[in-house]
Amino acid sequence: MTEPTRLQMLSEFLEQNPSDAFARYGLAMEYAKAGQTDTALEQFSKLLQQHPDYTNGYFMAAQTLEKLGRTPEAKKMLESGIDAAKRTGNKHALSEMAGMLEEIG
């Protein structure tokens, strides 16, 4: 019997716990790592709809969009993430996203 992959484990966990932010983020990251960027972006979108203050989701979604050459969408994602970081007082995330926004400017 083969070991389940991280994608399988996270998918199964989310079936049982659909509002778990960390698992949704992990699933999106696994899809991104596997090169399944459209599916990754769908998962980031679900994450941010359910958890609008999950700042890492904005940052990683923006990085995924930028890798695809979708710079205008990446900028909008970063701007939304910066707003979330300000709301939550997450200075580290704010700094990272502001830096990326300036870089892709």
N, C-alpha and C. Protein backbone atom coordinates (compact mmCIF):
# COMPACT_ATOMS: atom_id res chain seq x y z
N MET A 1 0.84 -1.18 0.00
CA MET A 1 0.00 0.00 0.00
C MET A 1 0.89 1.25 0.00
N THR A 2 0.57 2.20 -0.85
CA THR A 2 1.40 3.39 -0.95
C THR A 2 0.96 4.45 0.05
N GLU A 3 1.92 5.26 0.43
CA GLU A 3 1.65 6.37 1.35
C GLU A 3 0.84 7.44 0.62
N PRO A 4 -0.16 8.02 1.27
CA PRO A 4 -0.88 9.12 0.61
C PRO A 4 0.03 10.33 0.46
N THR A 5 -0.17 11.07 -0.62
CA THR A 5 0.63 12.28 -0.84
C THR A 5 0.11 13.40 0.06
N ARG A 6 0.92 14.45 0.17
CA ARG A 6 0.47 15.62 0.95
C ARG A 6 -0.81 16.19 0.35
N LEU A 7 -0.90 16.21 -0.98
CA LEU A 7 -2.11 16.70 -1.64
C LEU A 7 -3.32 15.87 -1.21
N GLN A 8 -3.18 14.55 -1.22
CA GLN A 8 -4.29 13.69 -0.83
C GLN A 8 -4.66 13.90 0.63
N MET A 9 -3.65 13.96 1.49
CA MET A 9 -3.93 14.14 2.92
C MET A 9 -4.62 15.46 3.21
N LEU A 10 -4.14 16.53 2.58
CA LEU A 10 -4.75 17.84 2.81
C LEU A 10 -6.16 17.90 2.24
N SER A 11 -6.35 17.30 1.07
CA SER A 11 -7.69 17.28 0.47
C SER A 11 -8.67 16.54 1.36
N GLU A 12 -8.24 15.38 1.86
CA GLU A 12 -9.11 14.60 2.75
C GLU A 12 -9.40 15.36 4.04
N PHE A 13 -8.39 15.99 4.59
CA PHE A 13 -8.59 16.76 5.82
C PHE A 13 -9.59 17.89 5.59
N LEU A 14 -9.47 18.57 4.44
CA LEU A 14 -10.38 19.68 4.14
C LEU A 14 -11.81 19.21 3.90
N GLU A 15 -11.97 17.99 3.42
CA GLU A 15 -13.33 17.46 3.27
C GLU A 15 -14.00 17.38 4.64
N GLN A 16 -13.22 17.03 5.65
CA GLN A 16 -13.74 16.92 7.01
C GLN A 16 -13.81 18.28 7.72
N ASN A 17 -12.89 19.19 7.35
CA ASN A 17 -12.75 20.50 8.03
C ASN A 17 -12.63 21.61 6.97
N PRO A 18 -13.71 21.89 6.23
CA PRO A 18 -13.62 22.80 5.09
C PRO A 18 -13.22 24.24 5.43
N SER A 19 -13.32 24.63 6.69
CA SER A 19 -12.98 26.02 7.03
C SER A 19 -11.60 26.14 7.68
N ASP A 20 -10.81 25.07 7.66
CA ASP A 20 -9.48 25.12 8.26
C ASP A 20 -8.53 25.93 7.37
N ALA A 21 -8.15 27.10 7.84
CA ALA A 21 -7.33 28.02 7.04
C ALA A 21 -5.95 27.45 6.74
N PHE A 22 -5.31 26.87 7.73
CA PHE A 22 -3.95 26.38 7.52
C PHE A 22 -3.92 25.24 6.51
N ALA A 23 -4.89 24.34 6.59
CA ALA A 23 -4.96 23.23 5.63
C ALA A 23 -5.25 23.74 4.22
N ARG A 24 -6.14 24.73 4.09
CA ARG A 24 -6.45 25.30 2.78
C ARG A 24 -5.20 25.97 2.20
N TYR A 25 -4.48 26.70 3.03
CA TYR A 25 -3.24 27.35 2.60
C TYR A 25 -2.22 26.29 2.15
N GLY A 26 -2.09 25.23 2.95
CA GLY A 26 -1.16 24.15 2.61
C GLY A 26 -1.52 23.49 1.30
N LEU A 27 -2.81 23.28 1.07
CA LEU A 27 -3.25 22.67 -0.18
C LEU A 27 -2.92 23.58 -1.36
N ALA A 28 -3.17 24.85 -1.22
CA ALA A 28 -2.84 25.80 -2.29
C ALA A 28 -1.34 25.78 -2.59
N MET A 29 -0.54 25.74 -1.53
CA MET A 29 0.92 25.71 -1.71
C MET A 29 1.36 24.42 -2.40
N GLU A 30 0.75 23.30 -2.05
CA GLU A 30 1.10 22.03 -2.68
C GLU A 30 0.76 22.06 -4.17
N TYR A 31 -0.40 22.60 -4.51
CA TYR A 31 -0.76 22.72 -5.93
C TYR A 31 0.22 23.64 -6.67
N ALA A 32 0.59 24.74 -6.03
CA ALA A 32 1.54 25.66 -6.66
C ALA A 32 2.88 24.96 -6.89
N LYS A 33 3.33 24.22 -5.88
CA LYS A 33 4.60 23.50 -5.98
C LYS A 33 4.56 22.45 -7.09
N ALA A 34 3.38 21.86 -7.30
CA ALA A 34 3.21 20.82 -8.32
C ALA A 34 3.01 21.42 -9.71
N GLY A 35 3.00 22.76 -9.80
CA GLY A 35 2.82 23.41 -11.10
C GLY A 35 1.37 23.51 -11.53
N GLN A 36 0.45 23.18 -10.65
CA GLN A 36 -0.98 23.28 -10.94
C GLN A 36 -1.48 24.65 -10.47
N THR A 37 -1.03 25.68 -11.17
CA THR A 37 -1.23 27.05 -10.70
C THR A 37 -2.69 27.48 -10.70
N ASP A 38 -3.47 27.06 -11.68
CA ASP A 38 -4.88 27.46 -11.69
C ASP A 38 -5.60 26.90 -10.47
N THR A 39 -5.32 25.64 -10.15
CA THR A 39 -5.93 25.02 -8.98
C THR A 39 -5.42 25.68 -7.70
N ALA A 40 -4.14 26.01 -7.69
CA ALA A 40 -3.57 26.71 -6.53
C ALA A 40 -4.28 28.04 -6.32
N LEU A 41 -4.47 28.79 -7.40
CA LEU A 41 -5.14 30.10 -7.28
C LEU A 41 -6.58 29.94 -6.83
N GLU A 42 -7.25 28.88 -7.26
CA GLU A 42 -8.62 28.62 -6.79
C GLU A 42 -8.62 28.40 -5.28
N GLN A 43 -7.64 27.65 -4.80
CA GLN A 43 -7.56 27.38 -3.36
C GLN A 43 -7.22 28.64 -2.58
N PHE A 44 -6.30 29.46 -3.11
CA PHE A 44 -5.99 30.74 -2.45
C PHE A 44 -7.25 31.60 -2.39
N SER A 45 -8.02 31.61 -3.48
CA SER A 45 -9.25 32.40 -3.52
C SER A 45 -10.24 31.93 -2.45
N LYS A 46 -10.43 30.61 -2.34
CA LYS A 46 -11.32 30.07 -1.31
C LYS A 46 -10.82 30.45 0.08
N LEU A 47 -9.53 30.32 0.28
CA LEU A 47 -8.93 30.67 1.57
C LEU A 47 -9.25 32.11 1.94
N LEU A 48 -9.02 33.03 1.00
CA LEU A 48 -9.16 34.44 1.30
C LEU A 48 -10.62 34.87 1.41
N GLN A 49 -11.52 34.14 0.74
CA GLN A 49 -12.95 34.40 0.92
C GLN A 49 -13.38 34.03 2.34
N GLN A 50 -12.88 32.90 2.82
CA GLN A 50 -13.26 32.43 4.15
C GLN A 50 -12.48 33.13 5.26
N HIS A 51 -11.25 33.50 4.96
CA HIS A 51 -10.35 34.08 5.97
C HIS A 51 -9.65 35.31 5.39
N PRO A 52 -10.36 36.43 5.29
CA PRO A 52 -9.79 37.61 4.63
C PRO A 52 -8.58 38.23 5.33
N ASP A 53 -8.27 37.79 6.53
CA ASP A 53 -7.10 38.32 7.23
C ASP A 53 -5.90 37.36 7.19
N TYR A 54 -5.96 36.32 6.38
CA TYR A 54 -4.87 35.34 6.28
C TYR A 54 -3.81 35.92 5.33
N THR A 55 -2.95 36.75 5.87
CA THR A 55 -2.04 37.55 5.04
C THR A 55 -1.10 36.73 4.16
N ASN A 56 -0.63 35.58 4.65
CA ASN A 56 0.26 34.77 3.82
C ASN A 56 -0.42 34.33 2.53
N GLY A 57 -1.72 34.14 2.58
CA GLY A 57 -2.46 33.75 1.39
C GLY A 57 -2.35 34.78 0.28
N TYR A 58 -2.45 36.05 0.65
CA TYR A 58 -2.33 37.11 -0.35
C TYR A 58 -0.93 37.13 -0.96
N PHE A 59 0.05 37.02 -0.09
CA PHE A 59 1.45 37.10 -0.54
C PHE A 59 1.79 35.95 -1.50
N MET A 60 1.41 34.74 -1.13
CA MET A 60 1.74 33.59 -1.96
C MET A 60 0.89 33.57 -3.24
N ALA A 61 -0.34 34.01 -3.16
CA ALA A 61 -1.17 34.11 -4.37
C ALA A 61 -0.56 35.14 -5.32
N ALA A 62 -0.08 36.25 -4.77
CA ALA A 62 0.56 37.28 -5.59
C ALA A 62 1.82 36.73 -6.25
N GLN A 63 2.61 35.97 -5.51
CA GLN A 63 3.82 35.38 -6.10
C GLN A 63 3.45 34.42 -7.22
N THR A 64 2.40 33.64 -7.03
CA THR A 64 1.95 32.70 -8.05
C THR A 64 1.50 33.46 -9.29
N LEU A 65 0.72 34.51 -9.10
CA LEU A 65 0.25 35.32 -10.22
C LEU A 65 1.42 35.97 -10.96
N GLU A 66 2.39 36.46 -10.22
CA GLU A 66 3.55 37.12 -10.84
C GLU A 66 4.35 36.12 -11.68
N LYS A 67 4.51 34.90 -11.18
CA LYS A 67 5.23 33.87 -11.94
C LYS A 67 4.54 33.56 -13.26
N LEU A 68 3.21 33.74 -13.29
CA LEU A 68 2.44 33.50 -14.50
C LEU A 68 2.43 34.72 -15.43
N GLY A 69 3.08 35.80 -15.00
CA GLY A 69 3.09 37.02 -15.80
C GLY A 69 1.82 37.82 -15.67
N ARG A 70 1.04 37.54 -14.66
CA ARG A 70 -0.23 38.24 -14.43
C ARG A 70 0.00 39.36 -13.41
N THR A 71 0.89 40.28 -13.78
CA THR A 71 1.34 41.34 -12.88
C THR A 71 0.22 42.23 -12.36
N PRO A 72 -0.72 42.69 -13.21
CA PRO A 72 -1.79 43.54 -12.66
C PRO A 72 -2.60 42.83 -11.57
N GLU A 73 -2.87 41.54 -11.76
CA GLU A 73 -3.60 40.78 -10.75
C GLU A 73 -2.75 40.60 -9.49
N ALA A 74 -1.46 40.39 -9.68
CA ALA A 74 -0.55 40.25 -8.54
C ALA A 74 -0.54 41.53 -7.72
N LYS A 75 -0.51 42.68 -8.40
CA LYS A 75 -0.51 43.96 -7.69
C LYS A 75 -1.79 44.14 -6.86
N LYS A 76 -2.94 43.80 -7.47
CA LYS A 76 -4.20 43.91 -6.73
C LYS A 76 -4.21 43.00 -5.51
N MET A 77 -3.66 41.80 -5.68
CA MET A 77 -3.60 40.84 -4.57
C MET A 77 -2.72 41.41 -3.46
N LEU A 78 -1.60 42.00 -3.83
CA LEU A 78 -0.70 42.59 -2.83
C LEU A 78 -1.37 43.75 -2.12
N GLU A 79 -2.09 44.58 -2.85
CA GLU A 79 -2.78 45.71 -2.23
C GLU A 79 -3.82 45.23 -1.22
N SER A 80 -4.55 44.17 -1.59
CA SER A 80 -5.52 43.59 -0.65
C SER A 80 -4.80 43.00 0.56
N GLY A 81 -3.67 42.36 0.32
CA GLY A 81 -2.89 41.78 1.40
C GLY A 81 -2.32 42.83 2.34
N ILE A 82 -1.90 43.94 1.77
CA ILE A 82 -1.37 45.04 2.58
C ILE A 82 -2.49 45.59 3.48
N ASP A 83 -3.69 45.70 2.93
CA ASP A 83 -4.83 46.14 3.74
C ASP A 83 -5.08 45.17 4.89
N ALA A 84 -5.02 43.86 4.59
CA ALA A 84 -5.23 42.84 5.63
C ALA A 84 -4.13 42.91 6.69
N ALA A 85 -2.89 43.11 6.25
CA ALA A 85 -1.77 43.20 7.19
C ALA A 85 -1.92 44.42 8.10
N LYS A 86 -2.40 45.51 7.55
CA LYS A 86 -2.62 46.70 8.37
C LYS A 86 -3.73 46.44 9.38
N ARG A 87 -4.82 45.79 8.93
CA ARG A 87 -5.94 45.48 9.82
C ARG A 87 -5.50 44.61 10.99
N THR A 88 -4.61 43.66 10.71
CA THR A 88 -4.22 42.69 11.73
C THR A 88 -2.94 43.08 12.46
N GLY A 89 -2.30 44.16 12.02
CA GLY A 89 -1.06 44.59 12.67
C GLY A 89 0.14 43.69 12.36
N ASN A 90 0.09 42.98 11.22
CA ASN A 90 1.17 42.08 10.84
C ASN A 90 2.23 42.86 10.07
N LYS A 91 3.17 43.43 10.81
CA LYS A 91 4.20 44.29 10.20
C LYS A 91 5.13 43.53 9.27
N HIS A 92 5.43 42.28 9.60
CA HIS A 92 6.33 41.48 8.76
C HIS A 92 5.68 41.25 7.38
N ALA A 93 4.42 40.81 7.38
CA ALA A 93 3.72 40.57 6.11
C ALA A 93 3.57 41.88 5.34
N LEU A 94 3.27 42.94 6.05
CA LEU A 94 3.13 44.26 5.41
C LEU A 94 4.43 44.64 4.71
N SER A 95 5.55 44.45 5.39
CA SER A 95 6.85 44.78 4.81
C SER A 95 7.16 43.94 3.58
N GLU A 96 6.91 42.63 3.67
CA GLU A 96 7.19 41.74 2.53
C GLU A 96 6.34 42.09 1.32
N MET A 97 5.06 42.33 1.55
CA MET A 97 4.17 42.62 0.42
C MET A 97 4.44 44.00 -0.16
N ALA A 98 4.73 44.98 0.69
CA ALA A 98 5.08 46.31 0.18
C ALA A 98 6.36 46.24 -0.65
N GLY A 99 7.32 45.45 -0.20
CA GLY A 99 8.57 45.27 -0.94
C GLY A 99 8.33 44.63 -2.30
N MET A 100 7.50 43.61 -2.34
CA MET A 100 7.20 42.95 -3.62
C MET A 100 6.45 43.88 -4.54
N LEU A 101 5.50 44.64 -3.98
CA LEU A 101 4.73 45.58 -4.78
C LEU A 101 5.64 46.62 -5.41
N GLU A 102 6.59 47.12 -4.64
CA GLU A 102 7.56 48.08 -5.15
C GLU A 102 8.44 47.45 -6.23
N GLU A 103 8.82 46.21 -6.02
CA GLU A 103 9.69 45.50 -6.97
C GLU A 103 9.02 45.27 -8.33
N ILE A 104 7.74 44.90 -8.30
CA ILE A 104 7.06 44.62 -9.58
C ILE A 104 6.41 45.87 -10.16
N GLY A 105 6.33 46.93 -9.33
CA GLY A 105 5.78 48.23 -9.58
C GLY A 105 5.41 48.62 -10.90
